[in-house]
Amino acid sequence: MSSLNFTTPFHPPTFLLAGIPGLEKEQFWIAFPFCIMYTIAVLGNITLLIIIKTEPSLHEPMYLFLAMLAFTDLVLSTSTLPKMLGIFWLGSREIGFLSCLAQLFFIHTFSSVESGVLMAMALDRYFAICYPLRHSSILSMPVVVALGILVLVRGVLLVSPLCFLLHRLSFCQHHVISHSYCEHMAVVKLACGDTRVNVVYGLFVAFVVTGFDIVLIFVSYTMILRVVMRLSSTDTQLKAVSTCASHACVILAFYVPALFTFLTHRFGQSVPPHVHIMVANLYLLVPPMLNPIIYGVRTKQLCEKMVLLFQQKGA
């Protein structure tokens, strides 16, 4: 009776994160603005969560989605920045194989969640402007919670196979990841053997998540603009556009660097590595930093509550 031979994949005990290839000397100083942005992101998003939780008048769909966005931003930035600062300042480049997979899981899962929350916020604006009388009944509290759970489950279900597919690969080449964190394609490039399944599934996840969400966002805002243009009052038009302007800024801050890093990994061989890695780092830093600032400044209720909160602390 013939015996079957199963080869056990070889996993290195650790990987080495390169940081920013080509800027090894400069990255010590680059870490300072990164640390400032991370501090602003953490303090801003925690402040948003506290205000929305403690203020009953903000328990509305728009602010509940904003709370989900703030929590997602905290997870995204905290999954990468502490380790990144350790690389830049302390030269702590090592990361365990399983720790790398865990970081990869959190980064890609919560990137998917953030995209889903932005899509849900676009739907909220659509119903608020196009169907104002039915808005509260359509987006009731159970519906908002269900949407939040749905985008989280979607992220977990789509990203988990990425980790399992990586775990089945052997890594017999060099173990230096040309990145500041464990990004899927950066890790796949270190594997030996056939990685086509990993590449194809990664593309599938990116197109399913980003494609579906961007289409819904585009359709929502197209319908909103059609309704706004039909309004007779210029003041009403400006007010309606203003309510969507902050959301549009957040969408651009998230999707532009995300699409740049995604396309560069696959088609941007001419893009210098340090430019690609810098944009990839800022992609996980700039939106979490900007979101509380944009919404805090442009949303009157939030701005008033923030001022009140800091006045109480200063008293």
Protein backbone atom coordinates (compact mmCIF):
# COMPACT_ATOMS: atom_id res chain seq x y z
CA MET A 1 0.00 0.00 0.00
CA SER A 2 1.57 3.27 -1.05
CA SER A 3 1.97 6.00 1.49
CA LEU A 4 1.04 9.60 0.84
CA ASN A 5 3.67 12.23 1.53
CA PHE A 6 2.45 15.54 2.87
CA THR A 7 4.91 18.40 2.94
CA THR A 8 4.59 20.68 5.93
CA PRO A 9 4.87 24.37 4.96
CA PHE A 10 7.98 26.07 6.33
CA HIS A 11 7.22 29.18 8.35
CA PRO A 12 10.08 31.34 9.62
CA PRO A 13 9.88 32.14 13.35
CA THR A 14 10.10 35.85 12.50
CA PHE A 15 9.99 38.29 9.62
CA LEU A 16 11.99 41.50 9.40
CA LEU A 17 10.09 44.68 8.52
CA ALA A 18 12.19 46.99 6.35
CA GLY A 19 10.43 50.20 7.37
CA ILE A 20 10.60 52.63 4.44
CA PRO A 21 13.01 51.20 1.83
CA GLY A 22 15.35 53.91 0.59
CA LEU A 23 14.69 56.19 3.56
CA GLU A 24 16.34 54.15 6.32
CA LYS A 25 18.30 57.16 7.61
CA GLU A 26 15.44 59.62 7.33
CA GLN A 27 12.76 57.39 8.90
CA PHE A 28 13.96 58.28 12.43
CA TRP A 29 12.78 61.86 11.78
CA ILE A 30 9.73 60.79 9.76
CA ALA A 31 8.53 59.01 12.91
CA PHE A 32 7.95 62.33 14.71
CA PRO A 33 5.13 63.63 12.45
CA PHE A 34 3.76 60.07 12.34
CA CYS A 35 3.65 60.02 16.15
CA ILE A 36 1.91 63.42 16.24
CA MET A 37 -0.70 62.25 13.70
CA TYR A 38 -1.27 59.04 15.68
CA THR A 39 -1.72 61.01 18.93
CA ILE A 40 -4.25 63.33 17.25
CA ALA A 41 -6.08 60.32 15.79
CA VAL A 42 -6.31 58.52 19.15
CA LEU A 43 -7.36 61.59 21.17
CA GLY A 44 -9.78 62.82 18.48
CA ASN A 45 -11.54 59.49 17.96
CA ILE A 46 -11.76 58.70 21.68
CA THR A 47 -13.25 62.18 22.21
CA LEU A 48 -15.82 61.50 19.47
CA LEU A 49 -16.78 58.17 21.03
CA ILE A 50 -17.17 59.72 24.49
CA ILE A 51 -19.32 62.62 23.21
CA ILE A 52 -21.58 60.39 21.11
CA LYS A 53 -22.00 57.87 23.94
CA THR A 54 -22.79 60.41 26.66
CA GLU A 55 -25.03 62.76 24.64
CA PRO A 56 -28.53 61.29 24.02
CA SER A 57 -29.31 63.88 21.33
CA LEU A 58 -26.52 62.36 19.19
CA HIS A 59 -28.00 58.85 19.23
CA GLU A 60 -29.04 59.20 15.60
CA PRO A 61 -27.95 57.14 12.55
CA MET A 62 -25.41 59.71 11.32
CA TYR A 63 -23.60 59.89 14.67
CA LEU A 64 -23.85 56.16 15.36
CA PHE A 65 -22.15 55.48 12.02
CA LEU A 66 -19.58 58.13 12.95
CA ALA A 67 -18.93 56.26 16.23
CA MET A 68 -18.36 53.06 14.22
CA LEU A 69 -15.95 54.98 11.99
CA ALA A 70 -14.07 56.34 15.03
CA PHE A 71 -13.73 52.85 16.56
CA THR A 72 -12.54 51.44 13.23
CA ASP A 73 -9.96 54.22 12.89
CA LEU A 74 -8.63 53.48 16.38
CA VAL A 75 -8.18 49.79 15.53
CA LEU A 76 -6.57 50.54 12.14
CA SER A 77 -4.04 53.06 13.43
CA THR A 78 -3.21 51.10 16.61
CA SER A 79 -2.65 47.91 14.62
CA THR A 80 0.29 49.53 12.82
CA LEU A 81 1.67 52.69 14.42
CA PRO A 82 3.17 51.37 17.69
CA LYS A 83 5.17 48.72 15.80
CA MET A 84 6.06 51.22 13.07
CA LEU A 85 7.44 53.68 15.63
CA GLY A 86 9.42 50.82 17.18
CA ILE A 87 11.03 50.19 13.79
CA PHE A 88 11.80 53.86 13.13
CA TRP A 89 13.09 54.81 16.58
CA LEU A 90 14.37 51.60 18.18
CA GLY A 91 15.25 49.46 15.18
CA SER A 92 12.80 46.81 16.42
CA ARG A 93 12.25 45.22 13.02
CA GLU A 94 11.40 41.66 14.03
CA ILE A 95 7.80 40.45 14.04
CA GLY A 96 6.71 36.86 14.70
CA PHE A 97 5.07 34.88 11.91
CA LEU A 98 1.72 34.57 13.71
CA SER A 99 1.92 38.18 14.92
CA CYS A 100 2.43 39.21 11.31
CA LEU A 101 -0.68 37.28 10.24
CA ALA A 102 -2.65 38.84 13.12
CA GLN A 103 -1.55 42.36 12.11
CA LEU A 104 -2.43 41.60 8.49
CA PHE A 105 -5.86 40.32 9.55
CA PHE A 106 -6.71 43.44 11.57
CA ILE A 107 -5.42 45.87 8.91
CA HIS A 108 -7.36 44.33 6.02
CA THR A 109 -10.48 43.44 8.03
CA PHE A 110 -10.91 46.94 9.43
CA SER A 111 -10.02 48.57 6.11
CA SER A 112 -12.99 46.62 4.73
CA VAL A 113 -15.10 47.70 7.73
CA GLU A 114 -14.16 51.36 7.19
CA SER A 115 -15.18 51.12 3.53
CA GLY A 116 -18.49 49.55 4.58
CA VAL A 117 -19.16 52.24 7.20
CA LEU A 118 -18.49 55.00 4.63
CA MET A 119 -20.98 53.27 2.32
CA ALA A 120 -23.55 53.10 5.14
CA MET A 121 -23.01 56.80 5.87
CA ALA A 122 -23.66 57.60 2.20
CA LEU A 123 -26.93 55.65 2.40
CA ASP A 124 -27.83 57.59 5.56
CA ARG A 125 -27.30 60.91 3.74
CA TYR A 126 -29.35 59.62 0.79
CA PHE A 127 -32.36 58.74 2.97
CA ALA A 128 -32.00 61.92 5.07
CA ILE A 129 -32.09 64.20 2.01
CA CYS A 130 -34.25 62.25 -0.44
CA TYR A 131 -36.73 60.80 2.08
CA PRO A 132 -36.53 63.10 5.13
CA LEU A 133 -39.95 62.13 6.52
CA ARG A 134 -39.17 58.41 6.39
CA HIS A 135 -35.51 58.64 7.38
CA SER A 136 -35.93 57.69 11.05
CA SER A 137 -38.25 54.79 10.23
CA ILE A 138 -36.01 53.39 7.47
CA LEU A 139 -32.75 53.72 9.43
CA SER A 140 -34.03 52.75 12.86
CA MET A 141 -31.66 51.73 15.66
CA PRO A 142 -31.95 47.97 14.89
CA VAL A 143 -31.21 48.65 11.20
CA VAL A 144 -28.14 50.76 12.06
CA VAL A 145 -26.81 48.05 14.42
CA ALA A 146 -27.50 45.36 11.80
CA LEU A 147 -25.58 47.34 9.15
CA GLY A 148 -22.64 47.72 11.54
CA ILE A 149 -22.60 43.99 12.29
CA LEU A 150 -22.97 43.18 8.59
CA VAL A 151 -19.90 45.18 7.50
CA LEU A 152 -17.85 43.67 10.34
CA VAL A 153 -18.90 40.10 9.47
CA ARG A 154 -18.22 40.80 5.79
CA GLY A 155 -14.69 41.93 6.61
CA VAL A 156 -13.96 38.92 8.83
CA LEU A 157 -15.36 36.39 6.34
CA LEU A 158 -13.51 37.87 3.36
CA VAL A 159 -10.14 38.48 5.04
CA SER A 160 -9.87 35.25 7.09
CA PRO A 161 -9.15 33.14 3.97
CA LEU A 162 -6.25 35.49 3.14
CA CYS A 163 -4.57 34.45 6.40
CA PHE A 164 -5.31 30.74 5.91
CA LEU A 165 -3.97 30.87 2.34
CA LEU A 166 -0.78 32.53 3.57
CA HIS A 167 -0.41 29.96 6.36
CA ARG A 168 -0.34 27.10 3.82
CA LEU A 169 2.62 28.64 1.95
CA SER A 170 6.30 27.97 2.58
CA PHE A 171 8.71 30.87 3.02
CA CYS A 172 12.10 29.57 1.95
CA GLN A 173 13.52 32.79 0.53
CA HIS A 174 14.67 35.86 2.44
CA HIS A 175 12.40 36.96 5.27
CA VAL A 176 12.60 40.76 4.89
CA ILE A 177 9.22 42.39 4.23
CA SER A 178 9.74 45.53 2.14
CA HIS A 179 7.14 47.43 4.12
CA SER A 180 6.50 49.12 7.47
CA TYR A 181 3.81 46.60 8.39
CA CYS A 182 2.53 43.19 7.30
CA GLU A 183 0.59 43.93 4.15
CA HIS A 184 -0.88 40.98 2.23
CA MET A 185 0.93 41.31 -1.11
CA ALA A 186 4.22 42.29 0.57
CA VAL A 187 4.12 39.00 2.50
CA VAL A 188 2.96 36.94 -0.51
CA LYS A 189 6.02 38.10 -2.47
CA LEU A 190 8.28 36.31 0.06
CA ALA A 191 6.65 32.90 -0.46
CA CYS A 192 8.12 30.18 -2.63
CA GLY A 193 5.92 28.04 -4.80
CA ASP A 194 2.67 28.89 -6.56
CA THR A 195 1.00 32.00 -5.11
CA ARG A 196 -1.60 32.50 -7.87
CA VAL A 197 -4.50 31.54 -5.56
CA ASN A 198 -3.37 34.16 -3.02
CA VAL A 199 -3.02 36.86 -5.69
CA VAL A 200 -6.36 36.07 -7.36
CA TYR A 201 -8.25 35.89 -4.06
CA GLY A 202 -6.65 39.16 -2.92
CA LEU A 203 -7.87 40.83 -6.10
CA PHE A 204 -11.32 39.30 -5.61
CA VAL A 205 -11.61 40.69 -2.06
CA ALA A 206 -10.42 44.14 -3.15
CA PHE A 207 -12.86 44.35 -6.05
CA VAL A 208 -15.81 42.94 -4.06
CA VAL A 209 -15.35 45.31 -1.13
CA THR A 210 -14.15 48.47 -2.84
CA GLY A 211 -16.16 48.00 -6.03
CA PHE A 212 -19.47 47.34 -4.26
CA ASP A 213 -19.03 50.17 -1.74
CA ILE A 214 -17.83 52.78 -4.26
CA VAL A 215 -20.73 52.00 -6.62
CA LEU A 216 -23.28 52.42 -3.81
CA ILE A 217 -21.61 55.64 -2.65
CA PHE A 218 -21.56 57.01 -6.20
CA VAL A 219 -25.22 56.10 -6.80
CA SER A 220 -26.26 57.61 -3.44
CA TYR A 221 -24.55 60.93 -4.13
CA THR A 222 -25.82 61.04 -7.71
CA MET A 223 -29.39 60.70 -6.39
CA ILE A 224 -28.69 63.31 -3.70
CA LEU A 225 -27.42 65.82 -6.28
CA ARG A 226 -30.50 65.24 -8.45
CA VAL A 227 -32.79 66.00 -5.51
CA VAL A 228 -30.73 69.01 -4.36
CA MET A 229 -30.71 70.59 -7.84
CA ARG A 230 -34.52 70.48 -7.89
CA LEU A 231 -34.82 72.48 -4.66
CA SER A 232 -36.18 75.99 -5.21
CA SER A 233 -34.32 77.68 -2.37
CA THR A 234 -30.59 78.38 -2.78
CA ASP A 235 -30.12 78.36 1.00
CA THR A 236 -31.70 74.91 1.23
CA GLN A 237 -29.45 73.69 -1.58
CA LEU A 238 -26.34 74.98 0.20
CA LYS A 239 -27.41 73.43 3.50
CA ALA A 240 -28.00 70.05 1.84
CA VAL A 241 -24.64 70.17 0.06
CA SER A 242 -22.90 71.21 3.29
CA THR A 243 -24.22 68.16 5.14
CA CYS A 244 -22.54 65.94 2.53
CA ALA A 245 -19.31 67.91 2.09
CA SER A 246 -17.64 66.53 5.21
CA HIS A 247 -18.52 62.97 4.20
CA ALA A 248 -17.10 63.55 0.70
CA CYS A 249 -13.80 64.76 2.23
CA VAL A 250 -13.57 61.62 4.38
CA ILE A 251 -14.31 59.39 1.38
CA LEU A 252 -11.55 61.02 -0.70
CA ALA A 253 -9.04 60.83 2.18
CA PHE A 254 -9.70 57.08 2.49
CA TYR A 255 -10.14 55.82 -1.07
CA VAL A 256 -7.48 57.86 -2.95
CA PRO A 257 -4.43 56.50 -1.03
CA ALA A 258 -6.09 53.06 -0.75
CA LEU A 259 -6.49 52.76 -4.52
CA PHE A 260 -2.98 54.12 -5.08
CA THR A 261 -1.36 51.50 -2.84
CA PHE A 262 -3.52 48.69 -4.28
CA LEU A 263 -2.70 49.57 -7.90
CA THR A 264 0.99 50.21 -7.17
CA HIS A 265 1.45 46.72 -5.69
CA ARG A 266 0.22 45.13 -8.91
CA PHE A 267 0.90 47.55 -11.74
CA GLY A 268 3.20 50.30 -10.43
CA GLN A 269 6.65 48.83 -10.89
CA SER A 270 7.92 52.28 -11.95
CA VAL A 271 6.77 53.91 -8.68
CA PRO A 272 9.75 54.33 -6.27
CA PRO A 273 9.37 51.96 -3.26
CA HIS A 274 9.70 54.77 -0.70
CA VAL A 275 6.84 56.69 -2.35
CA HIS A 276 4.62 53.61 -2.33
CA ILE A 277 5.39 52.77 1.32
CA MET A 278 4.95 56.38 2.48
CA VAL A 279 1.50 56.58 0.85
CA ALA A 280 0.61 53.17 2.33
CA ASN A 281 1.61 54.41 5.80
CA LEU A 282 -0.32 57.66 5.41
CA TYR A 283 -3.35 55.67 4.23
CA LEU A 284 -3.61 54.19 7.75
CA LEU A 285 -2.79 57.49 9.48
CA VAL A 286 -4.35 60.42 7.65
CA PRO A 287 -8.04 59.29 7.60
CA PRO A 288 -8.07 58.41 11.34
CA MET A 289 -6.50 61.81 12.09
CA LEU A 290 -8.74 63.83 9.75
CA ASN A 291 -12.11 62.21 10.46
CA PRO A 292 -12.66 63.67 13.97
CA ILE A 293 -11.30 67.05 12.81
CA ILE A 294 -13.53 67.21 9.71
CA TYR A 295 -16.69 66.08 11.50
CA GLY A 296 -15.93 68.10 14.62
CA VAL A 297 -15.48 71.33 12.65
CA ARG A 298 -18.21 70.88 10.02
CA THR A 299 -20.93 69.32 12.20
CA LYS A 300 -22.51 72.00 14.38
CA GLN A 301 -23.89 69.67 17.07
CA LEU A 302 -20.58 67.84 17.48
CA CYS A 303 -18.61 71.07 17.50
CA GLU A 304 -20.82 72.50 20.27
CA LYS A 305 -20.54 69.31 22.35
CA MET A 306 -16.74 69.24 21.94
CA VAL A 307 -16.43 72.86 23.10
CA LEU A 308 -18.69 72.10 26.08
CA LEU A 309 -16.66 69.00 26.99
CA PHE A 310 -13.33 70.88 26.98
CA GLN A 311 -14.86 73.77 28.95
CA GLN A 312 -16.01 71.31 31.62
CA LYS A 313 -12.54 69.75 31.79
CA GLY A 314 -10.90 73.16 32.02
CA ALA A 315 -13.23 74.34 34.80
